Amino acid sequence: AHPETFTLTASIDITHLLEVIKSSHLKFNPVMIYLISMVVNQHDEFKLTIDDHLGLCQWERLDPLYSEMHPQTKNIMHLSTPYQNSFDSFYQQCLVDKEKSMQSTSLFPLGEPPQNCFQVSCVPWTVFTSFYIAKGNNTDFFPVITYGKYSESYGKMLLPISITLHHAVADGYHASRFISEIEDACHNFIDQTK
């Protein structure tokens, strides 16, 4: 059976975030993965899953499962970096994990991801207004977040972002709240590595 999922896509203002990233010489993707993970981990409904006895249970923490493209083969590799509240710790570990993964051509260069992973994808080549991913796993209700290429509009830098949720545990309110909170996180971001 096809799971009952829905997707909400919006463009968020990341003007301030890009200014901080540029002035601090940070890399965009690890920063976005951290901010997305921070918002996801603030909400219990995003951390729900089905246990071995078909009961509903909740993970204490979700880790991001994100993709990197191998520079030589152009194959996609899936990495998971354990989420940490500390931006600096998470950011540095992302950089280490990416460096390690480039020495492999495996689909999972850091090993099989843990069960408490939600998917974060980036499509940096495309500004999109709609994005849908069919989620085939019926044992977890974790969100799938995808963001695209940012672009300028009326003096603001806008990033398309979508969230796909399972309707059994979330609805439009939760998706809209995520969009609002991720935009607020981008607007309020300060470099914590100094």
C-alpha atoms as a PDB file:
ATOM      1  CA  ALA A   1       0.000   0.000   0.000  1.00  0.00           C
ATOM      2  CA  HIS A   2       1.203   3.503  -0.805  1.00  0.00           C
ATOM      3  CA  PRO A   3       1.713   5.519   2.365  1.00  0.00           C
ATOM      4  CA  GLU A   4      -0.416   8.609   2.835  1.00  0.00           C
ATOM      5  CA  THR A   5       2.153  11.347   2.483  1.00  0.00           C
ATOM      6  CA  PHE A   6       1.884  14.954   1.417  1.00  0.00           C
ATOM      7  CA  THR A   7       4.422  17.602   0.528  1.00  0.00           C
ATOM      8  CA  LEU A   8       4.516  21.329   1.133  1.00  0.00           C
ATOM      9  CA  THR A   9       6.983  23.450  -0.835  1.00  0.00           C
ATOM     10  CA  ALA A  10       7.817  27.101  -0.168  1.00  0.00           C
ATOM     11  CA  SER A  11      10.580  29.619  -0.763  1.00  0.00           C
ATOM     12  CA  ILE A  12      12.297  30.932   2.358  1.00  0.00           C
ATOM     13  CA  ASP A  13      14.402  34.061   2.780  1.00  0.00           C
ATOM     14  CA  ILE A  14      18.031  33.093   3.456  1.00  0.00           C
ATOM     15  CA  THR A  15      19.602  36.518   2.833  1.00  0.00           C
ATOM     16  CA  HIS A  16      20.952  36.863   6.391  1.00  0.00           C
ATOM     17  CA  LEU A  17      22.146  33.252   6.468  1.00  0.00           C
ATOM     18  CA  LEU A  18      24.169  33.688   3.272  1.00  0.00           C
ATOM     19  CA  GLU A  19      25.762  36.858   4.639  1.00  0.00           C
ATOM     20  CA  VAL A  20      26.876  35.037   7.809  1.00  0.00           C
ATOM     21  CA  ILE A  21      28.125  32.022   5.838  1.00  0.00           C
ATOM     22  CA  LYS A  22      30.135  34.254   3.519  1.00  0.00           C
ATOM     23  CA  SER A  23      31.644  36.423   6.269  1.00  0.00           C
ATOM     24  CA  SER A  24      32.490  33.356   8.393  1.00  0.00           C
ATOM     25  CA  HIS A  25      33.816  31.243   5.492  1.00  0.00           C
ATOM     26  CA  LEU A  26      31.401  28.408   6.262  1.00  0.00           C
ATOM     27  CA  LYS A  27      30.054  25.820   3.838  1.00  0.00           C
ATOM     28  CA  PHE A  28      26.364  26.123   2.958  1.00  0.00           C
ATOM     29  CA  ASN A  29      25.209  22.488   3.042  1.00  0.00           C
ATOM     30  CA  PRO A  30      26.485  21.541   6.518  1.00  0.00           C
ATOM     31  CA  VAL A  31      24.898  24.717   7.886  1.00  0.00           C
ATOM     32  CA  MET A  32      21.535  23.940   6.254  1.00  0.00           C
ATOM     33  CA  ILE A  33      21.663  20.300   7.382  1.00  0.00           C
ATOM     34  CA  TYR A  34      22.305  21.473  10.947  1.00  0.00           C
ATOM     35  CA  LEU A  35      19.440  24.019  10.902  1.00  0.00           C
ATOM     36  CA  ILE A  36      17.008  21.514   9.388  1.00  0.00           C
ATOM     37  CA  SER A  37      18.042  18.867  11.938  1.00  0.00           C
ATOM     38  CA  MET A  38      17.646  21.359  14.775  1.00  0.00           C
ATOM     39  CA  VAL A  39      14.070  22.203  13.748  1.00  0.00           C
ATOM     40  CA  VAL A  40      13.124  18.562  13.095  1.00  0.00           C
ATOM     41  CA  ASN A  41      14.423  17.501  16.518  1.00  0.00           C
ATOM     42  CA  GLN A  42      12.288  20.119  18.280  1.00  0.00           C
ATOM     43  CA  HIS A  43       9.074  18.281  17.331  1.00  0.00           C
ATOM     44  CA  ASP A  44       7.994  14.904  18.648  1.00  0.00           C
ATOM     45  CA  GLU A  45       5.632  14.155  15.750  1.00  0.00           C
ATOM     46  CA  PHE A  46       8.622  14.062  13.370  1.00  0.00           C
ATOM     47  CA  LYS A  47      10.353  11.379  15.486  1.00  0.00           C
ATOM     48  CA  LEU A  48       7.628   8.722  15.422  1.00  0.00           C
ATOM     49  CA  THR A  49       8.080   5.200  14.091  1.00  0.00           C
ATOM     50  CA  ILE A  50       6.505   1.745  14.265  1.00  0.00           C
ATOM     51  CA  ASP A  51       8.319  -0.754  16.513  1.00  0.00           C
ATOM     52  CA  ASP A  52       8.720  -4.513  15.941  1.00  0.00           C
ATOM     53  CA  HIS A  53       5.346  -5.170  17.623  1.00  0.00           C
ATOM     54  CA  LEU A  54       3.559  -2.643  15.374  1.00  0.00           C
ATOM     55  CA  GLY A  55       3.277  -0.147  18.202  1.00  0.00           C
ATOM     56  CA  LEU A  56       3.911   3.556  17.864  1.00  0.00           C
ATOM     57  CA  CYS A  57       7.121   4.747  19.500  1.00  0.00           C
ATOM     58  CA  GLN A  58       9.284   7.838  19.411  1.00  0.00           C
ATOM     59  CA  TRP A  59      13.013   8.281  18.920  1.00  0.00           C
ATOM     60  CA  GLU A  60      14.784  10.592  21.328  1.00  0.00           C
ATOM     61  CA  ARG A  61      16.772  12.106  18.455  1.00  0.00           C
ATOM     62  CA  LEU A  62      16.796  11.949  14.657  1.00  0.00           C
ATOM     63  CA  ASP A  63      20.008  12.150  12.664  1.00  0.00           C
ATOM     64  CA  PRO A  64      20.137  13.526   9.130  1.00  0.00           C
ATOM     65  CA  LEU A  65      20.801  11.130   6.251  1.00  0.00           C
ATOM     66  CA  TYR A  66      22.088  13.308   3.443  1.00  0.00           C
ATOM     67  CA  SER A  67      23.626  12.792   0.029  1.00  0.00           C
ATOM     68  CA  GLU A  68      26.983  13.772  -1.376  1.00  0.00           C
ATOM     69  CA  MET A  69      28.137  13.348  -4.948  1.00  0.00           C
ATOM     70  CA  HIS A  70      31.496  11.684  -5.458  1.00  0.00           C
ATOM     71  CA  PRO A  71      33.586  14.192  -7.454  1.00  0.00           C
ATOM     72  CA  GLN A  72      35.142  11.622  -9.818  1.00  0.00           C
ATOM     73  CA  THR A  73      32.368   9.066 -10.348  1.00  0.00           C
ATOM     74  CA  LYS A  74      29.402  11.491  -9.956  1.00  0.00           C
ATOM     75  CA  ASN A  75      27.670   8.700  -8.003  1.00  0.00           C
ATOM     76  CA  ILE A  76      25.559   9.589  -5.004  1.00  0.00           C
ATOM     77  CA  MET A  77      26.714   8.515  -1.564  1.00  0.00           C
ATOM     78  CA  HIS A  78      24.557   8.587   1.573  1.00  0.00           C
ATOM     79  CA  LEU A  79      26.050   9.874   4.820  1.00  0.00           C
ATOM     80  CA  SER A  80      24.664  10.189   8.303  1.00  0.00           C
ATOM     81  CA  THR A  81      26.185  12.536  10.857  1.00  0.00           C
ATOM     82  CA  PRO A  82      24.834  12.249  14.410  1.00  0.00           C
ATOM     83  CA  TYR A  83      22.865  15.376  15.285  1.00  0.00           C
ATOM     84  CA  GLN A  84      24.332  17.453  18.107  1.00  0.00           C
ATOM     85  CA  ASN A  85      22.873  20.604  19.668  1.00  0.00           C
ATOM     86  CA  SER A  86      26.258  22.299  19.340  1.00  0.00           C
ATOM     87  CA  PHE A  87      26.520  23.852  15.893  1.00  0.00           C
ATOM     88  CA  ASP A  88      30.312  23.833  15.934  1.00  0.00           C
ATOM     89  CA  SER A  89      30.530  20.145  16.893  1.00  0.00           C
ATOM     90  CA  PHE A  90      27.985  19.081  14.275  1.00  0.00           C
ATOM     91  CA  TYR A  91      29.496  21.285  11.561  1.00  0.00           C
ATOM     92  CA  GLN A  92      33.029  19.981  12.158  1.00  0.00           C
ATOM     93  CA  GLN A  93      31.815  16.360  12.166  1.00  0.00           C
ATOM     94  CA  CYS A  94      29.992  16.926   8.854  1.00  0.00           C
ATOM     95  CA  LEU A  95      33.232  18.145   7.304  1.00  0.00           C
ATOM     96  CA  VAL A  96      35.129  15.112   8.659  1.00  0.00           C
ATOM     97  CA  ASP A  97      32.420  12.716   7.438  1.00  0.00           C
ATOM     98  CA  LYS A  98      32.420  14.236   3.947  1.00  0.00           C
ATOM     99  CA  GLU A  99      36.217  14.022   3.736  1.00  0.00           C
ATOM    100  CA  LYS A 100      36.163  10.352   4.836  1.00  0.00           C
ATOM    101  CA  SER A 101      33.418   9.515   2.349  1.00  0.00           C
ATOM    102  CA  MET A 102      35.393  10.854  -0.615  1.00  0.00           C
ATOM    103  CA  GLN A 103      37.867   7.996  -0.205  1.00  0.00           C
ATOM    104  CA  SER A 104      35.161   5.456  -1.034  1.00  0.00           C
ATOM    105  CA  THR A 105      32.796   4.737  -3.885  1.00  0.00           C
ATOM    106  CA  SER A 106      30.315   2.835  -1.704  1.00  0.00           C
ATOM    107  CA  LEU A 107      26.678   3.878  -1.516  1.00  0.00           C
ATOM    108  CA  PHE A 108      27.137   4.110   2.273  1.00  0.00           C
ATOM    109  CA  PRO A 109      30.822   5.064   2.685  1.00  0.00           C
ATOM    110  CA  LEU A 110      30.505   5.510   6.460  1.00  0.00           C
ATOM    111  CA  GLY A 111      28.580   2.259   6.931  1.00  0.00           C
ATOM    112  CA  GLU A 112      24.880   1.508   7.103  1.00  0.00           C
ATOM    113  CA  PRO A 113      22.976   4.461   8.576  1.00  0.00           C
ATOM    114  CA  PRO A 114      21.247   4.034  11.932  1.00  0.00           C
ATOM    115  CA  GLN A 115      17.481   3.516  12.049  1.00  0.00           C
ATOM    116  CA  ASN A 116      16.826   6.983  13.485  1.00  0.00           C
ATOM    117  CA  CYS A 117      17.654   8.879  10.278  1.00  0.00           C
ATOM    118  CA  PHE A 118      15.465  11.280   8.358  1.00  0.00           C
ATOM    119  CA  GLN A 119      16.324  12.235   4.784  1.00  0.00           C
ATOM    120  CA  VAL A 120      17.702  15.606   3.727  1.00  0.00           C
ATOM    121  CA  SER A 121      18.386  16.159   0.037  1.00  0.00           C
ATOM    122  CA  CYS A 122      19.752  19.067  -1.916  1.00  0.00           C
ATOM    123  CA  VAL A 123      19.089  19.718  -5.590  1.00  0.00           C
ATOM    124  CA  PRO A 124      21.567  22.603  -6.051  1.00  0.00           C
ATOM    125  CA  TRP A 125      21.128  22.755  -9.821  1.00  0.00           C
ATOM    126  CA  THR A 126      17.437  23.696  -9.825  1.00  0.00           C
ATOM    127  CA  VAL A 127      15.163  26.406  -8.486  1.00  0.00           C
ATOM    128  CA  PHE A 128      11.900  24.539  -8.007  1.00  0.00           C
ATOM    129  CA  THR A 129       8.377  25.531  -7.052  1.00  0.00           C
ATOM    130  CA  SER A 130       7.190  22.008  -6.350  1.00  0.00           C
ATOM    131  CA  PHE A 131       8.951  18.828  -5.315  1.00  0.00           C
ATOM    132  CA  TYR A 132       7.449  15.505  -4.333  1.00  0.00           C
ATOM    133  CA  ILE A 133       9.174  12.340  -3.241  1.00  0.00           C
ATOM    134  CA  ALA A 134       7.211   9.107  -2.889  1.00  0.00           C
ATOM    135  CA  LYS A 135       8.108   7.660   0.480  1.00  0.00           C
ATOM    136  CA  GLY A 136       7.925   3.879   0.366  1.00  0.00           C
ATOM    137  CA  ASN A 137       8.862   3.036   3.963  1.00  0.00           C
ATOM    138  CA  ASN A 138       5.809   2.240   6.073  1.00  0.00           C
ATOM    139  CA  THR A 139       7.682   1.703   9.349  1.00  0.00           C
ATOM    140  CA  ASP A 140       8.694   5.267  10.077  1.00  0.00           C
ATOM    141  CA  PHE A 141       6.929   8.580   9.866  1.00  0.00           C
ATOM    142  CA  PHE A 142      10.092  10.667   9.561  1.00  0.00           C
ATOM    143  CA  PRO A 143      10.028  13.780   7.368  1.00  0.00           C
ATOM    144  CA  VAL A 144      11.851  14.032   4.056  1.00  0.00           C
ATOM    145  CA  ILE A 145      13.258  17.509   3.427  1.00  0.00           C
ATOM    146  CA  THR A 146      14.575  18.715   0.070  1.00  0.00           C
ATOM    147  CA  TYR A 147      16.016  22.100  -0.756  1.00  0.00           C
ATOM    148  CA  GLY A 148      17.159  23.466  -4.095  1.00  0.00           C
ATOM    149  CA  LYS A 149      19.150  26.223  -5.708  1.00  0.00           C
ATOM    150  CA  TYR A 150      18.782  29.636  -4.121  1.00  0.00           C
ATOM    151  CA  SER A 151      18.156  32.696  -6.272  1.00  0.00           C
ATOM    152  CA  GLU A 152      17.586  36.426  -5.925  1.00  0.00           C
ATOM    153  CA  SER A 153      14.135  37.956  -6.034  1.00  0.00           C
ATOM    154  CA  TYR A 154      13.464  41.624  -5.234  1.00  0.00           C
ATOM    155  CA  GLY A 155      16.715  41.979  -3.307  1.00  0.00           C
ATOM    156  CA  LYS A 156      16.206  38.827  -1.227  1.00  0.00           C
ATOM    157  CA  MET A 157      17.922  35.470  -1.598  1.00  0.00           C
ATOM    158  CA  LEU A 158      15.260  32.762  -1.662  1.00  0.00           C
ATOM    159  CA  LEU A 159      15.703  29.036  -1.168  1.00  0.00           C
ATOM    160  CA  PRO A 160      13.066  26.538  -2.325  1.00  0.00           C
ATOM    161  CA  ILE A 161      12.447  23.938   0.381  1.00  0.00           C
ATOM    162  CA  SER A 162       9.942  21.117   0.642  1.00  0.00           C
ATOM    163  CA  ILE A 163       8.880  18.839   3.453  1.00  0.00           C
ATOM    164  CA  THR A 164       7.174  15.501   2.884  1.00  0.00           C
ATOM    165  CA  LEU A 165       5.269  14.141   5.877  1.00  0.00           C
ATOM    166  CA  HIS A 166       3.168  11.099   6.664  1.00  0.00           C
ATOM    167  CA  HIS A 167      -0.408  12.230   7.165  1.00  0.00           C
ATOM    168  CA  ALA A 168      -0.982   9.727   9.988  1.00  0.00           C
ATOM    169  CA  VAL A 169       1.123  11.869  12.339  1.00  0.00           C
ATOM    170  CA  ALA A 170       1.211  15.338  10.795  1.00  0.00           C
ATOM    171  CA  ASP A 171      -0.852  17.693   8.704  1.00  0.00           C
ATOM    172  CA  GLY A 172      -0.623  21.111   7.075  1.00  0.00           C
ATOM    173  CA  TYR A 173      -0.150  22.818  10.429  1.00  0.00           C
ATOM    174  CA  HIS A 174       3.040  20.842  11.136  1.00  0.00           C
ATOM    175  CA  ALA A 175       4.413  21.357   7.622  1.00  0.00           C
ATOM    176  CA  SER A 176       3.681  25.094   7.746  1.00  0.00           C
ATOM    177  CA  ARG A 177       5.251  25.369  11.180  1.00  0.00           C
ATOM    178  CA  PHE A 178       8.410  23.651   9.891  1.00  0.00           C
ATOM    179  CA  ILE A 179       8.660  26.114   6.974  1.00  0.00           C
ATOM    180  CA  SER A 180       8.202  29.075   9.325  1.00  0.00           C
ATOM    181  CA  GLU A 181      10.692  27.767  11.883  1.00  0.00           C
ATOM    182  CA  ILE A 182      13.394  26.924   9.344  1.00  0.00           C
ATOM    183  CA  GLU A 183      13.076  30.424   7.873  1.00  0.00           C
ATOM    184  CA  ASP A 184      13.346  31.905  11.390  1.00  0.00           C
ATOM    185  CA  ALA A 185      16.416  29.736  12.084  1.00  0.00           C
ATOM    186  CA  CYS A 186      18.051  31.025   8.882  1.00  0.00           C
ATOM    187  CA  HIS A 187      17.171  34.613   9.785  1.00  0.00           C
ATOM    188  CA  ASN A 188      18.547  34.297  13.329  1.00  0.00           C
ATOM    189  CA  PHE A 189      21.653  32.240  12.544  1.00  0.00           C
ATOM    190  CA  ILE A 190      24.930  33.389  14.067  1.00  0.00           C
ATOM    191  CA  ASP A 191      28.311  31.785  13.566  1.00  0.00           C
ATOM    192  CA  GLN A 192      28.950  29.775  16.704  1.00  0.00           C
ATOM    193  CA  THR A 193      32.344  28.446  15.600  1.00  0.00           C
ATOM    194  CA  LYS A 194      34.239  31.553  16.754  1.00  0.00           C
END
